[in-house]
Amino acid sequence: SNDYLGLAKEDFVFDNLKSGSTGSRLITGNSPDLELLEKEIATWKKTEAALFFGSGYLANLGAISALAGPADVIFSDELNHSCILDGIRLSGAKKYFYRNLDINHLQELLKEHRAKYQNAFVITDTVFSMQGTCADLKSIIDLKQEFNFSVYIDEAHATGTMGRQGAGLYASLVEQNQVIANQVEVQMGTFSKACGVEGAYIAGSKVLIEYLINFARTFIYSTAPSPYVVAMVRQNLSRLVNADEERKLLNENIEYLRQKLDSLNRHLAKHRFAVDVARKKVATMPLGGSCAKDNSDFHKRSNVDYQNDLTPIFSVVFATNQEILHLSEKLLLNKILVKAIRPPTVPQPCLRICVHSDHKKEDLDKLISLLY
């Protein structure tokens, strides 16, 4: 699951809260606690303002379709989340998709098309939810001066897991002095993953947030969140900001699993070499010669093809849907939940492994032993 820091297991006891907000934010659903939450988000994200949405899907759908129009152009990573793609379609803006993580292709598209349109946006996930890879935000930001565009990032899977206070990949890059602050115009993130509750935010300038309040249809025409949800998000956001120990444990588990997979690759390579040598010997044996037959499932593959950029998500790629469905079922029978992800959601069939801060080393060892 996406409960990377284990915060979805938190207990909540709130007294004197209404069950419902009674209406949209612009009618009767607004509250001082909700406005306080948005101020806390802005402080955490180091932006002027923030706006709460009911879900990440609603945030991206509403913000993108409000910000861009037919006179504008959007350059999107081809593997961005579906809610980004739907927001782009609704906007009516001209759209160009660059190959996943391919900055050279993005630059080519900008050179060819940027000058034809009024406003331009480059939109990317910071952590790709199915691959576990990270966008090259620094290179994207470096292109801004030449091509004059706004950067829109989706920090859903980086929220809570990256940066000193879990403020995301962009915050982490600023902390490391790889990029300067205030170079990303729109920051979106969710409270339904590492934060362990539900809802989402858009963070940015006061002008941006005022604009979205008036033009983002998924905000205007949605019932405001329940006071219970607001209280839970505020409580868990405070936990997330201070979850240094959980992030440390999470990063240790990520590195441990990477080492295990790399070690397994080396083992498989050695075994494959030994099998190849044995087969050559068999081919040159006189009639009647024999060699032990290799029937083990473990050695059917010569390597472990996986993607991971030190994020909690590991994508282990397989050749067929049948392989991943078989392995997912096998793991579940052994009380390990790893979902099989198939095209068209991803380009290639894969097992999407999510590492949590509360996983034990023996849990990861058991996973490896069952995979291969």
Protein backbone atom coordinates (compact mmCIF):
# COMPACT_ATOMS: atom_id res chain seq x y z
CA SER A 1 0.00 0.00 0.00
CA ASN A 2 0.98 3.69 -0.05
CA ASP A 3 1.17 3.88 3.78
CA TYR A 4 4.93 4.46 3.64
CA LEU A 5 5.34 5.80 7.19
CA GLY A 6 2.68 3.66 8.87
CA LEU A 7 0.54 6.70 9.72
CA ALA A 8 -2.68 5.17 8.36
CA LYS A 9 -2.67 3.04 11.52
CA GLU A 10 -3.04 6.11 13.79
CA ASP A 11 -6.02 6.23 16.15
CA PHE A 12 -8.26 9.30 16.22
CA VAL A 13 -10.57 10.46 19.00
CA PHE A 14 -12.18 13.86 18.43
CA ASP A 15 -14.97 15.35 20.51
CA ASN A 16 -17.52 18.00 19.56
CA LEU A 17 -17.05 17.71 15.78
CA LYS A 18 -19.89 17.68 13.28
CA SER A 19 -20.03 14.73 10.91
CA GLY A 20 -20.56 16.85 7.79
CA SER A 21 -19.44 20.21 6.45
CA THR A 22 -22.97 20.90 5.05
CA GLY A 23 -21.94 22.41 1.71
CA SER A 24 -19.24 23.69 -0.61
CA ARG A 25 -16.50 25.97 0.70
CA LEU A 26 -18.03 29.01 -1.03
CA ILE A 27 -21.50 28.46 0.53
CA THR A 28 -21.59 26.93 4.04
CA GLY A 29 -18.70 24.43 4.14
CA ASN A 30 -15.83 26.72 5.06
CA SER A 31 -14.42 26.69 8.61
CA PRO A 32 -11.64 28.29 10.68
CA ASP A 33 -10.01 24.85 11.13
CA LEU A 34 -9.89 24.30 7.37
CA GLU A 35 -8.32 27.71 6.80
CA LEU A 36 -5.83 26.96 9.60
CA LEU A 37 -4.93 23.67 7.89
CA GLU A 38 -4.21 25.55 4.66
CA LYS A 39 -1.94 27.99 6.51
CA GLU A 40 -0.10 25.04 8.06
CA ILE A 41 0.34 23.47 4.61
CA ALA A 42 1.74 26.73 3.20
CA THR A 43 4.18 27.06 6.12
CA TRP A 44 5.32 23.45 5.64
CA LYS A 45 5.70 23.87 1.87
CA LYS A 46 7.30 27.33 2.25
CA THR A 47 4.79 28.94 -0.11
CA GLU A 48 2.54 31.99 0.28
CA ALA A 49 -0.70 30.02 0.34
CA ALA A 50 -2.33 26.62 -0.14
CA LEU A 51 -5.74 25.17 -1.00
CA PHE A 52 -7.26 21.88 0.20
CA PHE A 53 -9.03 19.53 -2.24
CA GLY A 54 -11.02 16.38 -1.54
CA SER A 55 -8.52 14.12 -3.38
CA GLY A 56 -5.43 14.23 -5.55
CA TYR A 57 -7.56 13.49 -8.59
CA LEU A 58 -9.78 16.48 -7.89
CA ALA A 59 -6.77 18.73 -7.26
CA ASN A 60 -5.04 17.95 -10.55
CA LEU A 61 -8.25 17.87 -12.56
CA GLY A 62 -9.43 21.21 -11.20
CA ALA A 63 -6.12 23.09 -11.16
CA ILE A 64 -4.84 22.09 -14.61
CA SER A 65 -8.17 22.66 -16.36
CA ALA A 66 -8.46 26.08 -14.69
CA LEU A 67 -4.90 27.27 -15.34
CA ALA A 68 -4.52 26.39 -19.03
CA GLY A 69 -6.75 27.12 -22.00
CA PRO A 70 -6.92 26.80 -25.80
CA ALA A 71 -4.30 29.54 -26.33
CA ASP A 72 -1.79 27.72 -24.12
CA VAL A 73 0.45 24.67 -24.41
CA ILE A 74 1.27 21.89 -21.93
CA PHE A 75 4.33 19.64 -22.07
CA SER A 76 3.72 16.49 -20.03
CA ASP A 77 5.81 13.46 -19.16
CA GLU A 78 4.16 10.54 -20.93
CA LEU A 79 3.92 8.50 -17.71
CA ASN A 80 2.24 11.17 -15.57
CA HIS A 81 -0.73 10.00 -13.50
CA SER A 82 -4.10 9.70 -15.25
CA CYS A 83 -5.61 12.63 -13.32
CA ILE A 84 -2.94 14.89 -14.84
CA LEU A 85 -3.76 13.60 -18.31
CA ASP A 86 -7.49 14.14 -17.71
CA GLY A 87 -6.85 17.68 -16.45
CA ILE A 88 -4.86 18.43 -19.60
CA ARG A 89 -7.69 17.13 -21.80
CA LEU A 90 -10.28 19.24 -19.97
CA SER A 91 -8.15 22.38 -20.24
CA GLY A 92 -8.38 22.48 -24.03
CA ALA A 93 -4.70 23.45 -24.22
CA LYS A 94 -2.46 22.06 -26.92
CA LYS A 95 -0.56 19.10 -25.47
CA TYR A 96 2.77 17.44 -26.20
CA PHE A 97 4.06 14.37 -24.38
CA TYR A 98 7.78 13.86 -23.93
CA ARG A 99 9.29 10.45 -23.36
CA ASN A 100 9.48 9.44 -19.70
CA LEU A 101 12.36 11.28 -17.97
CA ASP A 102 13.82 12.29 -21.36
CA ILE A 103 14.92 15.92 -20.89
CA ASN A 104 16.45 16.05 -24.38
CA HIS A 105 13.08 15.16 -25.90
CA LEU A 106 11.37 17.81 -23.76
CA GLN A 107 13.89 20.39 -24.96
CA GLU A 108 13.27 19.42 -28.58
CA LEU A 109 9.52 19.85 -28.13
CA LEU A 110 9.99 23.22 -26.41
CA LYS A 111 12.21 24.47 -29.24
CA GLU A 112 9.70 23.40 -31.87
CA HIS A 113 6.42 24.44 -30.25
CA ARG A 114 6.78 26.83 -27.29
CA ALA A 115 6.81 30.09 -29.28
CA LYS A 116 3.45 29.33 -30.92
CA TYR A 117 1.43 29.67 -27.70
CA GLN A 118 0.62 32.24 -25.05
CA ASN A 119 1.32 30.44 -21.76
CA ALA A 120 3.27 27.22 -21.34
CA PHE A 121 3.41 24.61 -18.58
CA VAL A 122 5.72 21.66 -17.99
CA ILE A 123 3.94 19.11 -15.80
CA THR A 124 5.53 16.09 -14.15
CA ASP A 125 5.14 13.67 -11.28
CA THR A 126 8.14 13.99 -8.99
CA VAL A 127 8.00 10.29 -8.07
CA PHE A 128 6.33 8.08 -10.66
CA SER A 129 3.82 5.93 -8.84
CA MET A 130 4.28 2.70 -10.81
CA GLN A 131 8.01 2.92 -11.59
CA GLY A 132 9.49 4.37 -8.38
CA THR A 133 11.68 6.69 -10.45
CA CYS A 134 12.20 10.45 -9.90
CA ALA A 135 11.78 13.33 -12.33
CA ASP A 136 14.89 15.35 -13.21
CA LEU A 137 13.45 18.54 -11.72
CA LYS A 138 16.75 20.40 -11.80
CA SER A 139 17.08 19.97 -15.57
CA ILE A 140 13.46 21.00 -16.10
CA ILE A 141 13.94 24.15 -14.01
CA ASP A 142 17.17 24.92 -15.91
CA LEU A 143 15.11 25.16 -19.13
CA LYS A 144 12.73 27.81 -17.74
CA GLN A 145 14.82 30.86 -18.55
CA GLU A 146 15.22 29.94 -22.21
CA PHE A 147 11.64 28.85 -22.88
CA ASN A 148 9.52 30.83 -20.38
CA PHE A 149 7.17 28.26 -18.90
CA SER A 150 5.61 27.47 -15.52
CA VAL A 151 6.46 24.23 -13.70
CA TYR A 152 3.64 22.14 -12.23
CA ILE A 153 4.65 19.16 -10.07
CA ASP A 154 2.70 16.29 -8.53
CA GLU A 155 4.39 15.33 -5.24
CA ALA A 156 1.87 12.64 -4.27
CA HIS A 157 4.42 9.88 -3.64
CA ALA A 158 7.23 12.21 -2.52
CA THR A 159 5.08 13.88 0.15
CA GLY A 160 6.19 12.60 3.53
CA THR A 161 9.04 10.48 2.19
CA MET A 162 11.48 13.12 0.88
CA GLY A 163 12.93 16.28 2.38
CA ARG A 164 13.76 17.06 5.98
CA GLN A 165 10.10 17.48 6.96
CA GLY A 166 8.68 15.25 4.25
CA ALA A 167 7.84 18.27 2.10
CA GLY A 168 8.72 16.46 -1.13
CA LEU A 169 11.38 16.07 -3.81
CA TYR A 170 11.47 19.76 -4.72
CA ALA A 171 12.03 20.75 -1.08
CA SER A 172 14.79 18.15 -0.86
CA LEU A 173 16.55 19.65 -3.90
CA VAL A 174 16.29 23.15 -2.41
CA GLU A 175 17.75 21.86 0.87
CA GLN A 176 20.68 20.36 -1.06
CA ASN A 177 21.22 23.65 -2.97
CA GLN A 178 20.64 21.88 -6.29
CA VAL A 179 17.88 24.33 -7.18
CA ILE A 180 16.78 27.65 -5.70
CA ALA A 181 13.44 28.26 -3.98
CA ASN A 182 10.34 29.61 -5.73
CA GLN A 183 11.16 28.09 -9.13
CA VAL A 184 8.10 25.80 -9.15
CA GLU A 185 4.85 27.68 -9.63
CA VAL A 186 2.40 24.91 -8.71
CA GLN A 187 3.00 22.17 -6.14
CA MET A 188 0.40 19.48 -5.68
CA GLY A 189 0.51 16.68 -3.12
CA THR A 190 -1.78 14.28 -1.28
CA PHE A 191 -2.63 13.33 2.28
CA SER A 192 -3.78 9.84 1.26
CA LYS A 193 -0.34 8.22 0.95
CA ALA A 194 2.42 8.78 3.52
CA CYS A 195 0.12 11.04 5.57
CA GLY A 196 -2.34 8.18 5.95
CA VAL A 197 -5.65 10.07 5.69
CA GLU A 198 -7.25 11.55 2.55
CA GLY A 199 -7.40 14.77 0.56
CA ALA A 200 -4.82 16.85 -1.30
CA TYR A 201 -3.34 20.32 -1.60
CA ILE A 202 -2.21 22.85 -4.16
CA ALA A 203 0.52 25.14 -2.81
CA GLY A 204 1.91 28.27 -4.45
CA SER A 205 1.50 32.02 -4.59
CA LYS A 206 -1.45 33.93 -3.13
CA VAL A 207 -2.46 34.93 -6.66
CA LEU A 208 -2.50 31.26 -7.74
CA ILE A 209 -4.66 30.18 -4.80
CA GLU A 210 -7.11 33.10 -5.21
CA TYR A 211 -7.42 32.21 -8.88
CA LEU A 212 -8.14 28.53 -8.14
CA ILE A 213 -10.75 29.45 -5.51
CA ASN A 214 -12.63 31.29 -8.25
CA PHE A 215 -11.99 29.05 -11.26
CA ALA A 216 -11.18 25.46 -10.21
CA ARG A 217 -14.52 23.75 -10.75
CA THR A 218 -13.64 20.66 -8.66
CA PHE A 219 -13.11 23.02 -5.73
CA ILE A 220 -16.09 25.31 -6.31
CA TYR A 221 -18.66 22.58 -6.86
CA SER A 222 -17.48 19.96 -4.33
CA THR A 223 -18.79 19.65 -0.79
CA ALA A 224 -16.12 20.72 1.69
CA PRO A 225 -14.37 17.96 3.66
CA SER A 226 -15.90 16.69 6.87
CA PRO A 227 -14.59 18.37 10.05
CA TYR A 228 -13.37 14.90 11.04
CA VAL A 229 -11.21 14.69 7.92
CA VAL A 230 -9.78 18.16 8.54
CA ALA A 231 -8.90 17.23 12.15
CA MET A 232 -7.32 13.94 11.06
CA VAL A 233 -5.24 15.60 8.34
CA ARG A 234 -4.03 18.28 10.75
CA GLN A 235 -3.03 15.65 13.33
CA ASN A 236 -1.25 13.40 10.84
CA LEU A 237 0.42 16.29 9.01
CA SER A 238 1.99 17.27 12.34
CA ARG A 239 3.11 13.64 12.78
CA LEU A 240 4.48 13.52 9.24
CA VAL A 241 6.48 16.73 9.59
CA ASN A 242 8.17 15.32 12.70
CA ALA A 243 8.50 11.71 11.49
CA ASP A 244 12.31 11.83 11.22
CA GLU A 245 12.73 8.38 12.75
CA GLU A 246 10.16 6.81 10.41
CA ARG A 247 11.84 8.39 7.37
CA LYS A 248 15.22 7.10 8.58
CA LEU A 249 13.83 3.57 8.94
CA LEU A 250 12.12 3.85 5.56
CA ASN A 251 15.34 4.88 3.82
CA GLU A 252 17.23 2.05 5.52
CA ASN A 253 14.65 -0.45 4.24
CA ILE A 254 14.79 1.00 0.73
CA GLU A 255 18.58 0.66 0.65
CA TYR A 256 18.40 -2.85 2.15
CA LEU A 257 15.98 -4.08 -0.53
CA ARG A 258 18.10 -2.51 -3.28
CA GLN A 259 21.16 -4.33 -1.97
CA LYS A 260 19.24 -7.60 -1.82
CA LEU A 261 18.03 -7.24 -5.41
CA ASP A 262 21.51 -6.30 -6.64
CA SER A 263 23.00 -9.26 -4.77
CA LEU A 264 20.38 -11.53 -6.33
CA ASN A 265 21.33 -10.19 -9.76
CA ARG A 266 24.97 -11.10 -9.18
CA HIS A 267 23.95 -14.58 -7.99
CA LEU A 268 21.75 -15.15 -11.04
CA ALA A 269 24.49 -13.98 -13.38
CA LYS A 270 26.97 -16.45 -11.85
CA HIS A 271 24.45 -19.27 -12.01
CA ARG A 272 23.57 -18.46 -15.62
CA PHE A 273 27.26 -18.58 -16.53
CA ALA A 274 27.62 -21.96 -14.81
CA VAL A 275 24.53 -23.33 -16.60
CA ASP A 276 25.83 -22.13 -19.97
CA VAL A 277 29.19 -23.82 -19.35
CA ALA A 278 27.42 -27.04 -18.33
CA ARG A 279 25.27 -26.97 -21.47
CA LYS A 280 28.34 -26.58 -23.66
CA LYS A 281 29.91 -29.59 -21.94
CA VAL A 282 26.76 -31.64 -22.57
CA ALA A 283 26.82 -30.66 -26.23
CA THR A 284 30.35 -32.04 -26.57
CA MET A 285 29.78 -35.22 -24.50
CA PRO A 286 29.74 -38.60 -26.23
CA LEU A 287 26.38 -40.33 -26.52
CA GLY A 288 25.15 -41.47 -23.13
CA GLY A 289 26.65 -38.50 -21.27
CA SER A 290 24.41 -36.64 -18.82
CA CYS A 291 24.14 -33.37 -16.93
CA ALA A 292 21.80 -32.41 -14.09
CA LYS A 293 18.69 -30.72 -15.48
CA ASP A 294 17.90 -27.22 -14.13
CA ASN A 295 14.18 -27.22 -13.31
CA SER A 296 14.02 -24.64 -10.49
CA ASP A 297 11.73 -21.62 -10.88
CA PHE A 298 14.42 -19.49 -9.21
CA HIS A 299 16.79 -19.84 -12.14
CA LYS A 300 14.36 -19.29 -15.01
CA ARG A 301 15.49 -15.64 -15.19
CA SER A 302 19.02 -14.47 -15.80
CA ASN A 303 18.52 -11.14 -14.01
CA VAL A 304 16.13 -9.09 -11.89
CA ASP A 305 14.95 -6.15 -13.99
CA TYR A 306 13.80 -3.51 -11.51
CA GLN A 307 13.36 0.26 -11.32
CA ASN A 308 13.92 2.39 -8.20
CA ASP A 309 15.41 5.83 -7.50
CA LEU A 310 15.71 5.50 -3.70
CA THR A 311 11.94 5.87 -3.32
CA PRO A 312 9.59 3.50 -1.44
CA ILE A 313 8.36 2.07 -4.78
CA PHE A 314 10.13 -0.80 -6.55
CA SER A 315 8.92 -1.87 -9.97
CA VAL A 316 10.08 -5.40 -10.81
CA VAL A 317 9.50 -5.97 -14.51
CA PHE A 318 8.43 -9.27 -16.07
CA ALA A 319 7.83 -10.46 -19.62
CA THR A 320 4.23 -11.63 -19.31
CA ASN A 321 1.03 -10.94 -17.38
CA GLN A 322 0.88 -14.62 -16.45
CA GLU A 323 4.20 -14.39 -14.59
CA ILE A 324 3.22 -11.46 -12.42
CA LEU A 325 -0.27 -12.79 -11.68
CA HIS A 326 1.23 -16.12 -10.61
CA LEU A 327 3.80 -14.43 -8.37
CA SER A 328 1.31 -12.00 -6.86
CA GLU A 329 -0.95 -14.94 -5.91
CA LYS A 330 2.02 -16.89 -4.55
CA LEU A 331 3.05 -13.95 -2.37
CA LEU A 332 -0.49 -13.43 -1.09
CA LEU A 333 -0.69 -17.08 -0.04
CA ASN A 334 2.40 -16.34 2.04
CA LYS A 335 0.77 -13.23 3.57
CA ILE A 336 2.66 -10.68 1.47
CA LEU A 337 0.53 -8.24 -0.51
CA VAL A 338 2.23 -7.14 -3.74
CA LYS A 339 -0.04 -6.13 -6.59
CA ALA A 340 0.43 -7.13 -10.22
CA ILE A 341 0.32 -4.09 -12.50
CA ARG A 342 -0.40 -4.72 -16.17
CA PRO A 343 -0.54 -2.73 -19.42
CA PRO A 344 -2.01 -0.28 -20.30
CA THR A 345 -1.43 1.10 -16.77
CA VAL A 346 2.29 0.47 -17.27
CA PRO A 347 4.35 -0.18 -20.44
CA GLN A 348 5.48 -3.63 -19.19
CA PRO A 349 3.95 -6.06 -16.67
CA CYS A 350 5.45 -5.52 -13.23
CA LEU A 351 5.13 -6.22 -9.54
CA ARG A 352 4.79 -2.93 -7.63
CA ILE A 353 6.56 -3.40 -4.31
CA CYS A 354 6.00 -0.71 -1.67
CA VAL A 355 8.45 -0.49 1.22
CA HIS A 356 7.27 0.85 4.58
CA SER A 357 9.15 2.22 7.57
CA ASP A 358 7.73 -0.52 9.83
CA HIS A 359 8.83 -3.43 7.63
CA LYS A 360 11.43 -5.66 9.27
CA LYS A 361 14.53 -6.95 7.51
CA GLU A 362 13.13 -10.47 7.78
CA ASP A 363 10.00 -9.28 5.92
CA LEU A 364 12.16 -8.13 3.02
CA ASP A 365 14.22 -11.33 3.14
CA LYS A 366 11.04 -13.38 2.94
CA LEU A 367 9.87 -11.33 -0.05
CA ILE A 368 13.12 -11.96 -1.92
CA SER A 369 13.09 -15.68 -1.16
CA LEU A 370 9.53 -16.01 -2.52
CA LEU A 371 10.13 -13.89 -5.61
CA TYR A 372 12.98 -16.01 -6.98
